[in-house]
Protein backbone atom coordinates (compact mmCIF):
# COMPACT_ATOMS: atom_id res chain seq x y z
CA MET A 1 262.90 14.35 26.12
CA THR A 2 264.49 15.29 29.46
CA THR A 3 262.23 17.18 31.91
CA LEU A 4 263.86 19.41 34.58
CA GLN A 5 262.46 21.13 37.59
CA SER A 6 263.88 23.79 39.99
CA ILE A 7 264.66 22.60 43.52
CA GLU A 8 266.03 24.41 46.58
CA LEU A 9 269.17 23.11 48.33
CA ARG A 10 271.19 24.14 51.26
CA CYS A 11 274.91 23.53 51.28
CA PRO A 12 276.00 21.53 54.31
CA VAL A 13 279.56 23.13 54.00
CA CYS A 14 278.91 26.86 53.88
CA GLU A 15 275.13 26.86 54.74
CA SER A 16 274.29 28.74 51.62
CA ALA A 17 270.81 28.18 50.30
CA PHE A 18 270.60 28.08 46.41
CA ARG A 19 268.35 26.79 43.58
CA SER A 20 269.46 24.17 41.18
CA GLN A 21 267.90 22.13 38.23
CA ALA A 22 267.10 18.57 38.72
CA VAL A 23 265.94 15.82 36.42
CA VAL A 24 262.27 14.77 36.70
CA SER A 25 262.31 12.38 33.76
CA THR A 26 264.40 11.33 30.87
CA ASN A 27 264.69 8.73 28.08
CA SER A 28 267.22 6.57 26.32
CA PHE A 29 266.16 7.18 22.76
CA GLY A 30 269.60 8.38 21.84
CA GLY A 31 271.14 4.87 22.09
CA LYS A 32 273.89 3.54 24.30
CA ARG A 33 277.65 3.82 23.62
CA THR A 34 279.91 0.85 24.22
CA ASP A 35 281.17 2.44 27.37
CA PHE A 36 277.60 2.43 28.67
CA HIS A 37 277.02 6.13 28.08
CA GLU A 38 273.25 6.22 27.63
CA ARG A 39 272.14 8.98 25.44
CA ALA A 40 268.66 10.85 25.67
CA ALA A 41 266.83 12.47 22.71
CA GLY A 42 267.10 16.16 23.41
CA THR A 43 268.58 17.67 26.50
CA GLN A 44 271.10 15.36 28.13
CA PRO A 45 270.32 14.76 31.84
CA LEU A 46 273.94 14.16 33.08
CA PRO A 47 274.78 17.70 34.12
CA TYR A 48 271.67 18.08 36.04
CA LEU A 49 272.18 14.84 38.21
CA ILE A 50 274.99 16.67 40.18
CA HIS A 51 274.60 19.91 42.04
CA THR A 52 277.17 22.53 42.97
CA CYS A 53 277.07 25.25 45.59
CA ALA A 54 277.99 28.46 43.91
CA GLY A 55 279.30 29.72 47.30
CA CYS A 56 281.96 27.16 48.01
CA GLY A 57 281.90 24.55 45.16
CA TYR A 58 280.67 21.61 47.29
CA SER A 59 279.17 19.14 44.76
CA GLY A 60 277.09 16.00 44.89
CA ALA A 61 273.78 14.49 44.23
CA GLU A 62 270.64 15.73 45.70
CA ARG A 63 271.07 13.36 48.84
CA ASP A 64 274.51 14.88 49.50
CA PHE A 65 272.75 18.22 50.36
CA THR A 66 270.57 16.65 53.16
CA GLU A 67 271.29 16.49 56.90
CA GLU A 68 272.76 13.02 56.38
CA ALA A 69 275.69 14.43 54.39
CA ASP A 70 279.03 13.41 55.85
CA VAL A 71 280.73 16.78 56.33
CA SER A 72 283.72 16.69 58.54
CA PRO A 73 285.95 19.71 59.54
CA VAL A 74 288.75 18.32 57.23
CA LEU A 75 286.17 18.08 54.34
CA LYS A 76 285.05 21.73 54.94
CA GLU A 77 288.64 22.80 54.88
CA ARG A 78 289.40 21.00 51.65
CA VAL A 79 286.21 22.36 49.94
CA MET A 80 287.00 26.00 50.91
CA SER A 81 290.64 25.73 49.88
CA GLU A 82 290.28 23.73 46.61
CA LEU A 83 286.81 23.99 45.32
CA ALA A 84 285.64 27.55 46.37
CA PRO A 85 288.14 29.46 44.24
CA VAL A 86 286.96 27.57 41.16
CA ALA A 87 283.19 28.10 42.04
CA MET A 88 283.72 31.77 42.32
CA THR A 89 284.84 32.00 38.64
CA GLY A 90 281.18 31.25 37.56
CA ALA A 91 278.95 28.41 36.63
CA LEU A 92 280.62 25.03 36.23
CA THR A 93 280.27 22.72 33.18
CA GLY A 94 278.85 19.25 33.68
CA SER A 95 282.28 17.64 33.64
CA GLU A 96 283.66 20.28 36.19
CA LYS A 97 280.68 19.41 38.50
CA TYR A 98 281.40 15.67 38.29
CA GLU A 99 285.10 16.34 38.89
CA ALA A 100 284.31 18.39 42.02
CA ALA A 101 281.84 15.64 43.23
CA ALA A 102 284.62 13.03 42.67
CA LYS A 103 287.07 15.03 44.82
CA VAL A 104 284.39 15.38 47.61
CA ALA A 105 283.85 11.66 47.52
CA GLU A 106 287.59 10.93 47.82
CA TRP A 107 287.83 13.35 50.69
CA GLN A 108 284.97 11.51 52.35
CA SER A 109 286.93 8.28 51.84
CA LEU A 110 284.12 6.72 49.81
CA GLU A 111 284.66 3.45 47.84
CA PRO A 112 286.90 3.67 44.63
CA ARG A 113 283.98 2.34 42.71
CA HIS A 114 281.83 5.40 43.61
CA VAL A 115 284.57 7.74 42.73
CA ALA A 116 285.13 5.91 39.37
CA ASP A 117 281.53 6.30 38.47
CA LEU A 118 281.61 10.02 38.99
CA LEU A 119 284.81 10.38 36.96
CA LEU A 120 283.34 8.27 34.15
CA ARG A 121 280.33 10.55 34.00
CA ALA A 122 282.76 13.50 33.82
CA ALA A 123 284.19 11.90 30.64
CA TRP A 124 280.73 11.41 29.29
CA CYS A 125 280.06 15.18 29.76
CA CYS A 126 283.18 16.01 28.01
CA VAL A 127 281.84 14.24 24.94
CA ASP A 128 279.03 16.62 24.82
CA GLU A 129 281.31 19.57 25.59
CA GLY A 130 283.56 18.65 22.73
CA ASP A 131 286.63 18.55 25.07
CA ILE A 132 288.55 15.55 23.80
CA GLU A 133 291.72 16.08 25.94
CA ALA A 134 289.67 16.32 29.12
CA GLU A 135 287.52 13.43 28.13
CA ARG A 136 290.75 11.19 27.82
CA TYR A 137 291.97 12.51 31.09
CA PHE A 138 288.75 11.56 33.00
CA ARG A 139 288.61 8.20 31.22
CA ARG A 140 292.13 7.43 32.45
CA LYS A 141 291.37 8.46 36.01
CA ALA A 142 288.07 6.46 35.99
CA ALA A 143 289.92 3.35 34.58
CA TRP A 144 292.58 3.51 37.49
CA LYS A 145 289.72 3.82 40.08
CA PHE A 146 287.72 0.88 38.55
CA GLU A 147 290.99 -1.05 38.54
CA GLU A 148 291.48 -0.23 42.26
CA SER A 149 288.01 -1.31 43.12
CA LEU A 150 288.49 -4.71 41.28
CA GLU A 151 291.74 -5.33 43.12
CA SER A 152 290.21 -4.97 46.53
CA TYR A 153 288.68 -8.02 48.06
CA ASP A 154 285.05 -6.64 48.40
CA GLY A 155 285.21 -3.59 46.25
CA VAL A 156 282.97 -5.14 43.47
CA GLN A 157 280.11 -7.67 43.79
CA ARG A 158 281.05 -10.94 42.14
CA GLU A 159 278.18 -10.61 39.57
CA GLU A 160 279.51 -7.21 38.51
CA ARG A 161 283.20 -8.07 37.96
CA ALA A 162 283.04 -9.17 34.42
CA VAL A 163 281.11 -5.97 33.28
CA LEU A 164 283.57 -3.77 35.06
CA THR A 165 286.53 -5.62 33.72
CA TYR A 166 285.04 -5.12 30.21
CA LEU A 167 284.49 -1.38 30.95
CA VAL A 168 288.08 -0.93 32.12
CA GLY A 169 289.09 -2.41 28.69
CA GLU A 170 286.77 -0.12 26.86
CA LEU A 171 288.10 2.85 28.71
CA TRP A 172 291.68 2.14 27.83
CA ARG A 173 290.53 1.51 24.19
CA ARG A 174 288.94 4.91 24.08
CA THR A 175 292.04 6.68 25.38
CA GLY A 176 294.05 4.95 22.68
CA ASP A 177 296.01 2.41 24.77
CA THR A 178 295.07 -0.70 22.72
CA ALA A 179 297.56 -2.92 24.52
CA LYS A 180 296.18 -2.29 27.91
CA ALA A 181 292.59 -2.42 26.51
CA ARG A 182 293.39 -6.01 25.02
CA THR A 183 294.74 -7.16 28.44
CA TRP A 184 291.50 -6.19 30.17
CA PHE A 185 289.25 -7.59 27.49
CA ASP A 186 291.10 -10.89 27.63
CA ARG A 187 290.36 -11.08 31.40
CA VAL A 188 286.54 -10.91 30.97
CA ASP A 189 286.08 -14.68 30.40
CA GLN A 190 287.57 -15.56 33.76
CA GLU A 191 285.38 -13.08 35.56
CA VAL A 192 282.17 -14.31 34.34
CA ASP A 193 280.17 -16.25 37.00
CA ASP A 194 276.96 -16.81 35.03
CA LEU A 195 277.71 -17.87 31.44
CA HIS A 196 274.15 -17.79 30.33
CA GLY A 197 273.32 -14.35 31.77
CA GLN A 198 276.69 -12.77 30.88
CA GLN A 199 277.36 -14.18 27.49
CA TRP A 200 276.83 -10.66 26.11
CA VAL A 201 279.76 -9.29 28.15
CA ILE A 202 282.07 -12.01 26.54
CA ASP A 203 280.63 -11.18 23.15
CA ALA A 204 281.20 -7.39 23.76
CA ALA A 205 284.81 -7.80 24.91
CA ARG A 206 285.60 -9.96 21.88
CA GLN A 207 283.87 -7.30 19.52
CA GLN A 208 285.82 -4.41 21.06
CA ARG A 209 289.13 -6.39 21.03
CA GLU A 210 288.79 -7.37 17.39
CA CYS A 211 286.56 -4.96 15.51
CA PRO A 212 285.52 -2.13 17.88
CA ARG A 213 282.18 -0.42 17.61
CA GLU A 214 281.15 2.89 19.16
CA TRP A 215 277.52 1.92 19.97
CA PHE A 216 275.71 -1.10 21.25
CA GLY A 217 272.91 -2.51 19.06
């Protein structure tokens, strides 16, 4: 069961004070999909891990609403011109909140890996929202960003490269691009730096390449 609590936040862009729901505790009793989407029994926590200002649409994690938030004049301008009109139409879905947070992260010039994580979570929210087309859209965007992070010299820690390479393959598989998925699954072996500790990644890549499953375990 996911437990929520009401918190008070102040938007660093428009200075509006508002209340939001935050996750106090959750569980993983719902299992884990082969794209690492961990499911809870009961209420899913994902939509409550990102907060959105109803006044301007600025979105992020709880820490992004503190005094340490990186809010430049350019960021404020982009938020007010692109996110505010959407926020004024009403409460956003979980996927829309993550999409807004991903845009904010890009405008802040954060690492592609961080942006990719937000886009992946937008896709996970779309699964619960039943929006198949939006799910594929966000999976593609997440895959491109993960690819970008893998291509950069220090975008991904060495010990994480095999897992992210597998994930890119799984994202392409789930969008229906089996050829591109196979290419990425085939790369996993050469990215492994700890054969004993990462044998499961090699096994998962082989499984998803040859006889895909939707769930781990």
